[in-house]
Amino acid sequence: MSATHPPTTAAPGQMTEQVLIEAAAEAGIDPDAVRMSLAVERLGSLPDRRRLDGTVGPRQVAVDRAVALDVDTLLGRIDDLLQRQHGLRRVRSGGEWGEWRKRTDAMGTMQRLARTGSGSANLRKLGRVEARTSVIDHGRTLVRLVADRTPQRNEALAGGATIGGLGLAATGTLAVMMTPLIAVAAPIAVVAGAATARTGRKQHSDLLSDLEMLLDTVERGARPVTLTDDVRRVLRQLRS
């Protein structure tokens, strides 16, 4: 991945970023704040909010962070972690961005099963992860991770719909039978809906934490924890 830096030229009649920064400094505005604002603007808008996002969490989750790394090093570390530790595969990349998707082959399935219950399992279940970068200055880069949790979100909605549907069916049956148990069966759909909302919001919160931890690891430059490392750790525990 080869990075490019912010343009230094502008169309006729437009102010270059450097001139804007210098003008802001003369006006008493912190140049660093201007650089950050320009980097955010280059990244573009955040994913749109949609219906049910407030109930079960959004389909796409985004995390922004300024990192003291150049673009090439930053994207290289993200790629290494997502492929070797989290079992995703890179499908597209450019000088300032990359896209990774869930592995659907036998090895990907085995890795997800082996790490079920671990923190990395959350990232492995994602449909897609995209990293976008924007240079702040020569020593820092703004990165945005956008994770598509549509499969995870659909699982939560499907589970709630199944339980709710059973509750409604039971309510209808009991109504025909005219039994007092209808008072117990009727709230099942409501309870299922509340449980689905809780599950969706928790998954959203957990995913945000996982993305933040991924960026923590990127900043530290820590080596990816591979499936082989996990197997060795378990074997050492069994021998001790």
C-alpha atoms as a PDB file:
ATOM      1  CA  MET A   1       0.000   0.000   0.000  1.00  0.00           C
ATOM      2  CA  SER A   2       1.492   3.316  -1.057  1.00  0.00           C
ATOM      3  CA  ALA A   3       0.186   6.467   0.618  1.00  0.00           C
ATOM      4  CA  THR A   4      -0.373   9.887  -0.836  1.00  0.00           C
ATOM      5  CA  HIS A   5      -0.345  13.113   1.093  1.00  0.00           C
ATOM      6  CA  PRO A   6      -2.858  15.983   1.227  1.00  0.00           C
ATOM      7  CA  PRO A   7      -2.879  18.083  -1.932  1.00  0.00           C
ATOM      8  CA  THR A   8      -0.843  21.274  -1.833  1.00  0.00           C
ATOM      9  CA  THR A   9      -2.522  22.852  -4.851  1.00  0.00           C
ATOM     10  CA  ALA A  10      -6.054  24.106  -5.269  1.00  0.00           C
ATOM     11  CA  ALA A  11      -8.365  25.008  -8.105  1.00  0.00           C
ATOM     12  CA  PRO A  12      -8.319  28.639  -9.253  1.00  0.00           C
ATOM     13  CA  GLY A  13      -9.984  30.805  -6.658  1.00  0.00           C
ATOM     14  CA  GLN A  14      -9.644  28.196  -3.903  1.00  0.00           C
ATOM     15  CA  MET A  15      -7.296  28.322  -0.924  1.00  0.00           C
ATOM     16  CA  THR A  16      -4.737  25.556  -0.444  1.00  0.00           C
ATOM     17  CA  GLU A  17      -4.707  23.731   2.884  1.00  0.00           C
ATOM     18  CA  GLN A  18      -1.306  25.188   3.786  1.00  0.00           C
ATOM     19  CA  VAL A  19      -2.491  28.726   3.122  1.00  0.00           C
ATOM     20  CA  LEU A  20      -5.607  28.047   5.187  1.00  0.00           C
ATOM     21  CA  ILE A  21      -3.493  26.781   8.098  1.00  0.00           C
ATOM     22  CA  GLU A  22      -1.227  29.826   7.929  1.00  0.00           C
ATOM     23  CA  ALA A  23      -4.210  32.170   7.785  1.00  0.00           C
ATOM     24  CA  ALA A  24      -5.760  30.452  10.793  1.00  0.00           C
ATOM     25  CA  ALA A  25      -2.510  30.827  12.746  1.00  0.00           C
ATOM     26  CA  GLU A  26      -2.425  34.554  11.976  1.00  0.00           C
ATOM     27  CA  ALA A  27      -6.002  34.799  13.243  1.00  0.00           C
ATOM     28  CA  GLY A  28      -5.046  33.136  16.518  1.00  0.00           C
ATOM     29  CA  ILE A  29      -6.602  29.755  15.685  1.00  0.00           C
ATOM     30  CA  ASP A  30      -4.642  26.657  16.691  1.00  0.00           C
ATOM     31  CA  PRO A  31      -3.062  25.300  13.466  1.00  0.00           C
ATOM     32  CA  ASP A  32      -3.208  21.759  14.840  1.00  0.00           C
ATOM     33  CA  ALA A  33      -6.986  22.033  15.243  1.00  0.00           C
ATOM     34  CA  VAL A  34      -7.245  23.168  11.624  1.00  0.00           C
ATOM     35  CA  ARG A  35      -5.105  20.256  10.421  1.00  0.00           C
ATOM     36  CA  MET A  36      -7.345  17.843  12.335  1.00  0.00           C
ATOM     37  CA  SER A  37     -10.504  19.415  10.904  1.00  0.00           C
ATOM     38  CA  LEU A  38      -9.125  19.130   7.376  1.00  0.00           C
ATOM     39  CA  ALA A  39      -8.208  15.476   7.948  1.00  0.00           C
ATOM     40  CA  VAL A  40     -11.725  14.726   9.214  1.00  0.00           C
ATOM     41  CA  GLU A  41     -13.236  16.473   6.195  1.00  0.00           C
ATOM     42  CA  ARG A  42     -11.141  14.390   3.802  1.00  0.00           C
ATOM     43  CA  LEU A  43     -12.435  11.197   5.414  1.00  0.00           C
ATOM     44  CA  GLY A  44     -15.989  12.120   4.488  1.00  0.00           C
ATOM     45  CA  SER A  45     -19.213  11.663   6.397  1.00  0.00           C
ATOM     46  CA  LEU A  46     -19.945   8.912   8.910  1.00  0.00           C
ATOM     47  CA  PRO A  47     -22.336   6.055   7.988  1.00  0.00           C
ATOM     48  CA  ASP A  48     -25.972   7.163   7.817  1.00  0.00           C
ATOM     49  CA  ARG A  49     -28.333   6.300  10.642  1.00  0.00           C
ATOM     50  CA  ARG A  50     -31.248   4.064   9.685  1.00  0.00           C
ATOM     51  CA  ARG A  51     -34.459   2.723  11.112  1.00  0.00           C
ATOM     52  CA  LEU A  52     -33.972   0.390  14.119  1.00  0.00           C
ATOM     53  CA  ASP A  53     -30.424   1.689  14.688  1.00  0.00           C
ATOM     54  CA  GLY A  54     -31.472   3.190  18.015  1.00  0.00           C
ATOM     55  CA  THR A  55     -33.118  -0.081  19.027  1.00  0.00           C
ATOM     56  CA  VAL A  56     -30.641  -2.824  18.066  1.00  0.00           C
ATOM     57  CA  GLY A  57     -27.614  -0.756  17.103  1.00  0.00           C
ATOM     58  CA  PRO A  58     -26.508   0.409  13.628  1.00  0.00           C
ATOM     59  CA  ARG A  59     -25.539  -1.819  10.725  1.00  0.00           C
ATOM     60  CA  GLN A  60     -22.231  -0.002  10.407  1.00  0.00           C
ATOM     61  CA  VAL A  61     -20.028   0.986  13.343  1.00  0.00           C
ATOM     62  CA  ALA A  62     -17.298   3.618  12.921  1.00  0.00           C
ATOM     63  CA  VAL A  63     -14.343   4.517  15.126  1.00  0.00           C
ATOM     64  CA  ASP A  64     -11.962   7.433  14.422  1.00  0.00           C
ATOM     65  CA  ARG A  65      -8.546   7.916  15.971  1.00  0.00           C
ATOM     66  CA  ALA A  66      -5.446  10.011  15.379  1.00  0.00           C
ATOM     67  CA  VAL A  67      -2.412   7.711  15.379  1.00  0.00           C
ATOM     68  CA  ALA A  68       1.258   8.689  15.460  1.00  0.00           C
ATOM     69  CA  LEU A  69       2.113   6.562  12.414  1.00  0.00           C
ATOM     70  CA  ASP A  70       2.465   7.169   8.695  1.00  0.00           C
ATOM     71  CA  VAL A  71      -0.244   5.789   6.406  1.00  0.00           C
ATOM     72  CA  ASP A  72       1.768   2.845   5.059  1.00  0.00           C
ATOM     73  CA  THR A  73       2.802   1.601   8.503  1.00  0.00           C
ATOM     74  CA  LEU A  74      -0.706   2.100   9.892  1.00  0.00           C
ATOM     75  CA  LEU A  75      -2.476   0.190   7.120  1.00  0.00           C
ATOM     76  CA  GLY A  76       0.194  -2.497   7.171  1.00  0.00           C
ATOM     77  CA  ARG A  77      -0.369  -3.169  10.872  1.00  0.00           C
ATOM     78  CA  ILE A  78      -4.161  -3.184  10.470  1.00  0.00           C
ATOM     79  CA  ASP A  79      -3.872  -5.628   7.576  1.00  0.00           C
ATOM     80  CA  ASP A  80      -1.576  -7.908   9.561  1.00  0.00           C
ATOM     81  CA  LEU A  81      -3.916  -7.976  12.564  1.00  0.00           C
ATOM     82  CA  LEU A  82      -7.146  -8.463  10.625  1.00  0.00           C
ATOM     83  CA  GLN A  83      -5.740 -11.283   8.514  1.00  0.00           C
ATOM     84  CA  ARG A  84      -3.516 -13.171  10.948  1.00  0.00           C
ATOM     85  CA  GLN A  85      -5.327 -12.592  14.253  1.00  0.00           C
ATOM     86  CA  HIS A  86      -8.926 -11.980  13.309  1.00  0.00           C
ATOM     87  CA  GLY A  87      -9.282 -14.316  10.341  1.00  0.00           C
ATOM     88  CA  LEU A  88     -10.462 -11.783   7.754  1.00  0.00           C
ATOM     89  CA  ARG A  89      -9.077 -11.491   4.237  1.00  0.00           C
ATOM     90  CA  ARG A  90      -8.190  -8.340   2.330  1.00  0.00           C
ATOM     91  CA  VAL A  91     -10.306  -7.997  -0.807  1.00  0.00           C
ATOM     92  CA  ARG A  92      -9.414  -4.475  -1.956  1.00  0.00           C
ATOM     93  CA  SER A  93      -6.854  -1.829  -1.086  1.00  0.00           C
ATOM     94  CA  GLY A  94      -5.522   1.522  -2.204  1.00  0.00           C
ATOM     95  CA  GLY A  95      -2.896   3.982  -1.121  1.00  0.00           C
ATOM     96  CA  GLU A  96      -5.006   5.331   1.751  1.00  0.00           C
ATOM     97  CA  TRP A  97      -7.608   2.637   2.397  1.00  0.00           C
ATOM     98  CA  GLY A  98      -8.243  -1.085   2.638  1.00  0.00           C
ATOM     99  CA  GLU A  99     -11.219  -3.440   2.799  1.00  0.00           C
ATOM    100  CA  TRP A 100     -11.407  -6.835   4.489  1.00  0.00           C
ATOM    101  CA  ARG A 101     -14.200  -9.400   4.480  1.00  0.00           C
ATOM    102  CA  LYS A 102     -15.191 -12.467   6.444  1.00  0.00           C
ATOM    103  CA  ARG A 103     -13.453 -15.643   5.316  1.00  0.00           C
ATOM    104  CA  THR A 104     -15.917 -18.224   4.030  1.00  0.00           C
ATOM    105  CA  ASP A 105     -13.499 -21.087   3.376  1.00  0.00           C
ATOM    106  CA  ALA A 106     -12.898 -24.116   5.608  1.00  0.00           C
ATOM    107  CA  MET A 107      -9.945 -22.476   7.362  1.00  0.00           C
ATOM    108  CA  GLY A 108     -12.005 -19.409   8.206  1.00  0.00           C
ATOM    109  CA  THR A 109     -14.779 -21.558   9.656  1.00  0.00           C
ATOM    110  CA  MET A 110     -12.278 -23.538  11.721  1.00  0.00           C
ATOM    111  CA  GLN A 111     -10.685 -20.366  13.074  1.00  0.00           C
ATOM    112  CA  ARG A 112     -14.062 -18.941  14.124  1.00  0.00           C
ATOM    113  CA  LEU A 113     -15.015 -22.171  15.882  1.00  0.00           C
ATOM    114  CA  ALA A 114     -11.655 -22.370  17.636  1.00  0.00           C
ATOM    115  CA  ARG A 115     -11.997 -18.854  19.009  1.00  0.00           C
ATOM    116  CA  THR A 116     -15.662 -18.872  19.903  1.00  0.00           C
ATOM    117  CA  GLY A 117     -16.083 -16.949  23.139  1.00  0.00           C
ATOM    118  CA  SER A 118     -12.910 -14.933  22.726  1.00  0.00           C
ATOM    119  CA  GLY A 119     -12.863 -11.221  21.994  1.00  0.00           C
ATOM    120  CA  SER A 120     -11.526 -11.788  18.491  1.00  0.00           C
ATOM    121  CA  ALA A 121     -14.592 -13.874  17.613  1.00  0.00           C
ATOM    122  CA  ASN A 122     -16.636 -10.664  17.375  1.00  0.00           C
ATOM    123  CA  LEU A 123     -14.472  -9.258  14.594  1.00  0.00           C
ATOM    124  CA  ARG A 124     -14.361 -12.595  12.786  1.00  0.00           C
ATOM    125  CA  LYS A 125     -18.146 -12.577  12.408  1.00  0.00           C
ATOM    126  CA  LEU A 126     -18.240  -9.219  10.646  1.00  0.00           C
ATOM    127  CA  GLY A 127     -19.310  -9.043   7.038  1.00  0.00           C
ATOM    128  CA  ARG A 128     -16.820  -6.308   6.196  1.00  0.00           C
ATOM    129  CA  VAL A 129     -14.240  -3.973   7.744  1.00  0.00           C
ATOM    130  CA  GLU A 130     -12.950  -0.896   5.968  1.00  0.00           C
ATOM    131  CA  ALA A 131     -10.046   1.318   7.007  1.00  0.00           C
ATOM    132  CA  ARG A 132      -9.836   4.858   5.653  1.00  0.00           C
ATOM    133  CA  THR A 133      -6.942   7.184   6.406  1.00  0.00           C
ATOM    134  CA  SER A 134      -6.236  10.889   6.130  1.00  0.00           C
ATOM    135  CA  VAL A 135      -2.854  12.492   6.789  1.00  0.00           C
ATOM    136  CA  ILE A 136      -2.881  15.080   9.599  1.00  0.00           C
ATOM    137  CA  ASP A 137       0.795  15.998   9.328  1.00  0.00           C
ATOM    138  CA  HIS A 138       4.080  14.242   8.659  1.00  0.00           C
ATOM    139  CA  GLY A 139       3.941  12.358  11.946  1.00  0.00           C
ATOM    140  CA  ARG A 140       0.256  11.573  12.392  1.00  0.00           C
ATOM    141  CA  THR A 141      -2.591   9.951  10.502  1.00  0.00           C
ATOM    142  CA  LEU A 142      -6.323   9.990  11.161  1.00  0.00           C
ATOM    143  CA  VAL A 143      -7.823   6.533  10.655  1.00  0.00           C
ATOM    144  CA  ARG A 144     -11.486   5.529  10.500  1.00  0.00           C
ATOM    145  CA  LEU A 145     -12.467   1.889  10.933  1.00  0.00           C
ATOM    146  CA  VAL A 146     -15.930   1.103   9.582  1.00  0.00           C
ATOM    147  CA  ALA A 147     -17.283  -2.313  10.546  1.00  0.00           C
ATOM    148  CA  ASP A 148     -20.344  -3.851   8.904  1.00  0.00           C
ATOM    149  CA  ARG A 149     -22.202  -5.825  11.580  1.00  0.00           C
ATOM    150  CA  THR A 150     -25.225  -6.631   9.400  1.00  0.00           C
ATOM    151  CA  PRO A 151     -24.861 -10.444   9.845  1.00  0.00           C
ATOM    152  CA  GLN A 152     -24.594 -10.058  13.630  1.00  0.00           C
ATOM    153  CA  ARG A 153     -27.534  -7.639  13.697  1.00  0.00           C
ATOM    154  CA  ASN A 154     -29.696  -9.914  11.554  1.00  0.00           C
ATOM    155  CA  GLU A 155     -29.006 -12.845  13.900  1.00  0.00           C
ATOM    156  CA  ALA A 156     -30.276 -10.832  16.855  1.00  0.00           C
ATOM    157  CA  LEU A 157     -33.373  -9.707  14.957  1.00  0.00           C
ATOM    158  CA  ALA A 158     -34.086 -13.224  13.697  1.00  0.00           C
ATOM    159  CA  GLY A 159     -33.787 -14.670  17.196  1.00  0.00           C
ATOM    160  CA  GLY A 160     -36.171 -12.091  18.609  1.00  0.00           C
ATOM    161  CA  ALA A 161     -38.628 -12.598  15.772  1.00  0.00           C
ATOM    162  CA  THR A 162     -38.659 -16.369  16.324  1.00  0.00           C
ATOM    163  CA  ILE A 163     -39.354 -16.094  20.039  1.00  0.00           C
ATOM    164  CA  GLY A 164     -41.879 -13.335  19.508  1.00  0.00           C
ATOM    165  CA  GLY A 165     -43.623 -15.335  16.813  1.00  0.00           C
ATOM    166  CA  LEU A 166     -43.916 -18.339  19.094  1.00  0.00           C
ATOM    167  CA  GLY A 167     -45.360 -16.108  21.785  1.00  0.00           C
ATOM    168  CA  LEU A 168     -47.955 -14.650  19.441  1.00  0.00           C
ATOM    169  CA  ALA A 169     -48.884 -18.099  18.152  1.00  0.00           C
ATOM    170  CA  ALA A 170     -49.300 -19.356  21.698  1.00  0.00           C
ATOM    171  CA  THR A 171     -51.419 -16.333  22.536  1.00  0.00           C
ATOM    172  CA  GLY A 172     -53.709 -16.986  19.587  1.00  0.00           C
ATOM    173  CA  THR A 173     -54.089 -20.654  20.472  1.00  0.00           C
ATOM    174  CA  LEU A 174     -54.873 -19.910  24.072  1.00  0.00           C
ATOM    175  CA  ALA A 175     -57.380 -17.254  23.054  1.00  0.00           C
ATOM    176  CA  VAL A 176     -59.291 -19.841  21.077  1.00  0.00           C
ATOM    177  CA  MET A 177     -59.154 -22.208  24.018  1.00  0.00           C
ATOM    178  CA  MET A 178     -60.286 -19.395  26.348  1.00  0.00           C
ATOM    179  CA  THR A 179     -57.866 -20.401  29.078  1.00  0.00           C
ATOM    180  CA  PRO A 180     -56.501 -18.101  31.815  1.00  0.00           C
ATOM    181  CA  LEU A 181     -52.966 -18.848  30.600  1.00  0.00           C
ATOM    182  CA  ILE A 182     -53.368 -16.186  27.909  1.00  0.00           C
ATOM    183  CA  ALA A 183     -52.353 -13.610  30.500  1.00  0.00           C
ATOM    184  CA  VAL A 184     -48.980 -15.356  30.777  1.00  0.00           C
ATOM    185  CA  ALA A 185     -48.437 -16.003  27.068  1.00  0.00           C
ATOM    186  CA  ALA A 186     -49.314 -12.508  25.820  1.00  0.00           C
ATOM    187  CA  PRO A 187     -46.202 -10.704  27.175  1.00  0.00           C
ATOM    188  CA  ILE A 188     -43.811 -13.149  25.461  1.00  0.00           C
ATOM    189  CA  ALA A 189     -43.623 -11.048  22.303  1.00  0.00           C
ATOM    190  CA  VAL A 190     -42.919  -7.908  24.344  1.00  0.00           C
ATOM    191  CA  VAL A 191     -40.202  -9.656  26.351  1.00  0.00           C
ATOM    192  CA  ALA A 192     -38.648 -11.036  23.164  1.00  0.00           C
ATOM    193  CA  GLY A 193     -38.529  -7.567  21.647  1.00  0.00           C
ATOM    194  CA  ALA A 194     -36.862  -6.111  24.725  1.00  0.00           C
ATOM    195  CA  ALA A 195     -34.321  -8.954  24.795  1.00  0.00           C
ATOM    196  CA  THR A 196     -33.527  -8.436  21.104  1.00  0.00           C
ATOM    197  CA  ALA A 197     -32.942  -4.730  21.680  1.00  0.00           C
ATOM    198  CA  ARG A 198     -30.642  -5.442  24.645  1.00  0.00           C
ATOM    199  CA  THR A 199     -28.687  -8.018  22.667  1.00  0.00           C
ATOM    200  CA  GLY A 200     -28.286  -5.713  19.683  1.00  0.00           C
ATOM    201  CA  ARG A 201     -27.135  -2.767  21.787  1.00  0.00           C
ATOM    202  CA  LYS A 202     -24.652  -4.938  23.709  1.00  0.00           C
ATOM    203  CA  GLN A 203     -23.227  -6.336  20.473  1.00  0.00           C
ATOM    204  CA  HIS A 204     -22.820  -2.776  19.212  1.00  0.00           C
ATOM    205  CA  SER A 205     -21.078  -1.706  22.417  1.00  0.00           C
ATOM    206  CA  ASP A 206     -18.799  -4.773  22.402  1.00  0.00           C
ATOM    207  CA  LEU A 207     -17.854  -4.161  18.779  1.00  0.00           C
ATOM    208  CA  LEU A 208     -16.902  -0.565  19.526  1.00  0.00           C
ATOM    209  CA  SER A 209     -14.628  -1.839  22.299  1.00  0.00           C
ATOM    210  CA  ASP A 210     -13.100  -4.449  19.968  1.00  0.00           C
ATOM    211  CA  LEU A 211     -12.317  -1.815  17.338  1.00  0.00           C
ATOM    212  CA  GLU A 212     -10.760   0.455  19.953  1.00  0.00           C
ATOM    213  CA  MET A 213      -8.630  -2.450  21.218  1.00  0.00           C
ATOM    214  CA  LEU A 214      -7.576  -3.192  17.639  1.00  0.00           C
ATOM    215  CA  LEU A 215      -6.319   0.375  17.295  1.00  0.00           C
ATOM    216  CA  ASP A 216      -4.597   0.102  20.683  1.00  0.00           C
ATOM    217  CA  THR A 217      -2.702  -2.923  19.352  1.00  0.00           C
ATOM    218  CA  VAL A 218      -1.873  -1.070  16.138  1.00  0.00           C
ATOM    219  CA  GLU A 219      -0.418   1.853  18.099  1.00  0.00           C
ATOM    220  CA  ARG A 220       1.672  -0.456  20.286  1.00  0.00           C
ATOM    221  CA  GLY A 221       2.915  -2.363  17.272  1.00  0.00           C
ATOM    222  CA  ALA A 222       2.174  -5.655  19.020  1.00  0.00           C
ATOM    223  CA  ARG A 223       2.519  -8.891  17.066  1.00  0.00           C
ATOM    224  CA  PRO A 224      -0.792 -10.538  16.052  1.00  0.00           C
ATOM    225  CA  VAL A 225      -1.943 -13.407  18.264  1.00  0.00           C
ATOM    226  CA  THR A 226      -2.466 -16.208  15.757  1.00  0.00           C
ATOM    227  CA  LEU A 227      -4.433 -19.437  16.085  1.00  0.00           C
ATOM    228  CA  THR A 228      -1.119 -21.281  16.424  1.00  0.00           C
ATOM    229  CA  ASP A 229      -0.257 -19.100  19.422  1.00  0.00           C
ATOM    230  CA  ASP A 230      -3.579 -20.009  21.044  1.00  0.00           C
ATOM    231  CA  VAL A 231      -2.992 -23.736  20.468  1.00  0.00           C
ATOM    232  CA  ARG A 232       0.482 -23.530  22.007  1.00  0.00           C
ATOM    233  CA  ARG A 233      -0.890 -21.650  25.000  1.00  0.00           C
ATOM    234  CA  VAL A 234      -3.537 -24.308  25.609  1.00  0.00           C
ATOM    235  CA  LEU A 235      -0.975 -27.089  25.298  1.00  0.00           C
ATOM    236  CA  ARG A 236       1.286 -25.364  27.837  1.00  0.00           C
ATOM    237  CA  GLN A 237      -1.644 -25.068  30.225  1.00  0.00           C
ATOM    238  CA  LEU A 238      -2.462 -28.754  29.843  1.00  0.00           C
ATOM    239  CA  ARG A 239       1.136 -29.741  30.583  1.00  0.00           C
ATOM    240  CA  SER A 240       1.430 -27.560  33.667  1.00  0.00           C
END
